[in-house]
Amino acid sequence: ERIMFQLRDKMDFTSARMSSMPLVNDVDADVIDVLTGLGFSIVEVQSVLQKLPREVTDMNEKVGMALQLLDQAGR
């Protein structure tokens, strides 16, 4: 019983942490990698990704759109 109680507490903590983390799909992860590789901060990239239309699913198109938004922001 003690082990189950301890495991339950750990699972609650883990699932609470996981639920607060934003979900990133594979394309967005690739876009983040490309843009941070170009020197943009993760904060800038995440902010720009949130502004992109959800229906855009092509990585190259997302990178291009993100770069345009970053340029407009003066970065």
Protein backbone atom coordinates (compact mmCIF):
# COMPACT_ATOMS: atom_id res chain seq x y z
CA GLU A 1 0.00 0.00 0.00
CA ARG A 2 2.80 2.39 0.84
CA ILE A 3 4.45 1.87 -2.55
CA MET A 4 1.14 2.42 -4.32
CA PHE A 5 0.58 5.64 -2.36
CA GLN A 6 4.05 6.92 -3.28
CA LEU A 7 3.62 5.99 -6.93
CA ARG A 8 0.22 7.65 -7.07
CA ASP A 9 1.72 10.90 -5.76
CA LYS A 10 4.47 10.77 -8.39
CA MET A 11 2.00 10.06 -11.17
CA ASP A 12 -0.20 12.99 -10.14
CA PHE A 13 2.83 15.30 -10.18
CA THR A 14 3.99 14.01 -13.57
CA SER A 15 0.58 14.29 -15.20
CA ALA A 16 0.14 17.79 -13.78
CA ARG A 17 3.48 18.82 -15.28
CA MET A 18 2.65 17.21 -18.61
CA SER A 19 -0.73 18.94 -18.83
CA SER A 20 0.91 22.34 -18.40
CA MET A 21 3.39 21.73 -21.22
CA PRO A 22 2.31 22.91 -24.68
CA LEU A 23 2.01 20.20 -27.29
CA VAL A 24 4.37 20.58 -30.20
CA ASN A 25 3.88 18.52 -33.34
CA ASP A 26 6.78 17.24 -35.44
CA VAL A 27 6.54 20.04 -38.00
CA ASP A 28 6.57 22.74 -35.32
CA ALA A 29 9.53 21.03 -33.64
CA ASP A 30 11.40 21.15 -36.95
CA VAL A 31 10.50 24.82 -37.42
CA ILE A 32 11.76 25.55 -33.91
CA ASP A 33 15.02 23.75 -34.69
CA VAL A 34 15.52 25.68 -37.94
CA LEU A 35 14.76 29.10 -36.50
CA THR A 36 16.75 28.65 -33.29
CA GLY A 37 19.59 27.39 -35.48
CA LEU A 38 19.41 30.72 -37.32
CA GLY A 39 19.88 32.54 -34.02
CA PHE A 40 16.32 33.33 -32.97
CA SER A 41 15.42 32.73 -29.34
CA ILE A 42 12.99 29.99 -28.40
CA VAL A 43 10.68 32.65 -26.96
CA GLU A 44 10.61 34.56 -30.26
CA VAL A 45 10.01 31.37 -32.23
CA GLN A 46 7.21 30.13 -29.98
CA SER A 47 5.52 33.53 -30.12
CA VAL A 48 5.64 33.55 -33.92
CA LEU A 49 4.43 29.94 -34.20
CA GLN A 50 1.32 30.84 -32.21
CA LYS A 51 0.51 33.52 -34.79
CA LEU A 52 0.68 31.18 -37.78
CA PRO A 53 -2.56 29.69 -39.15
CA ARG A 54 -3.17 26.15 -37.87
CA GLU A 55 -4.02 24.91 -41.36
CA VAL A 56 -0.43 25.51 -42.52
CA THR A 57 1.23 22.13 -42.11
CA ASP A 58 4.19 22.31 -44.49
CA MET A 59 7.47 22.92 -42.65
CA ASN A 60 9.01 25.06 -45.41
CA GLU A 61 5.91 27.21 -45.63
CA LYS A 62 5.85 27.65 -41.85
CA VAL A 63 9.53 28.63 -41.77
CA GLY A 64 8.93 31.19 -44.53
CA MET A 65 5.91 32.67 -42.83
CA ALA A 66 7.69 32.76 -39.48
CA LEU A 67 10.68 34.54 -41.02
CA GLN A 68 8.36 37.15 -42.53
CA LEU A 69 6.74 37.78 -39.16
CA LEU A 70 10.11 37.99 -37.43
CA ASP A 71 11.27 40.46 -40.08
CA GLN A 72 8.16 42.58 -39.61
CA ALA A 73 8.85 42.60 -35.87
CA GLY A 74 12.25 44.07 -36.61
CA ARG A 75 14.29 41.04 -35.67
